[in-house]
Amino acid sequence: MNQDLFPPLVLDGWFVLHQFFRVDPLAAEDEAHGGFQGRTESLVDFLSQWSEPSDSDPERGSRGWSGLYRIVGGETDYMLMHFRPSLEALGDAEREIRRSPAARDLIPTGDYVSVVELGLYAVTDALLEQAQEEGIKPGGPEWTARVEKVLEEELEKRYVQSRLFPLQPANMPYVCFYPMDKRRNPDQNWYTLPVRERADLMAVHGQTGRRYAGRISQIISGSVGLDDWEWAVTLFSHDPLTFKALVTEMRYDEVSSVYAEFGSFWVGHRIPTEGVLGEVAGGMDRE
């Protein structure tokens, strides 16, 4: 492989499933007999079982969590987001929702499968430079041993663990989700850029994001080979206007303005488990 075109090393965390639903307008007709509310209770039970683990829980990465979000616009009423340690566990969550009594009233409008990832562009660039200086061939035994050592060291860092196994900050109830690709046009092809240039562009992009520290919490999940886009981005904030400000500013970064394509955006807010029954079943009264 051309060393300049080497892909970045990546650390993977939880698998993620975003499910989108709208409530069947006819569901309220069954409410006179308590049917709709009774079925919604199965969703409450599920969310109670899969509440977020503690930030200090040593078993945090082996569990996962699920959350329900009210979506505004987009012909979608709700988004269910599931984090699980394996694809099988993610499938179990999907199946449990689809087989629950609540599924009778929830019409699927879309879904997205990905895995939380941390791209190590700068680390990859440094390793390749060192390998070139020492005459080590990428892909060989010595290279592989070095990569494994570096990845193990990265995994021991607390902030890396928080990136791979993310929780939603308690003070950030708002959510924004969208998929994205890197362009592969003849004169705008991300995948033909040298690794050093890609690392530099991502570093500038990261600087923009860090200016929103404390106002935005970001989850990047990879979906190459898993879904229709290459990445998914999930943002949390205490103010939905912060999403607008961040995305606007990032559009001026070269990595976005020249090399990125974006899909649809979904925006909404988290519904606490104790409020799900009143929101979903009670919400029919507001339709």
Foldseek 3Di string as FASTA:
>chain_A
DPQQLDFFDKDWAWKKKKWWWAFALCLLVCPVVPQLLVLLVLVLVQQVVFDQDDLPDPCRRQHWHKFKWQWDDPPTGIMIMTTHGDPVVVVVVVVSVCPGSNVVGIHTDDMDIFTFMDTDLVVSVVLSVVCVVVVHDPPDPVNVVVVVVVVVVLVVDSVSVCQNRPDADPLFFKKKKWFKAWDCDPVRRPSPGGSVVVSVLVVVLVVLVVVCPPFKDKTKTAQVVNDDGGIMIMITGNDVVVVVVSVVVSCPRCSNVRTMDIDDMIITGTAPSVCSSCCPNVVSVVD
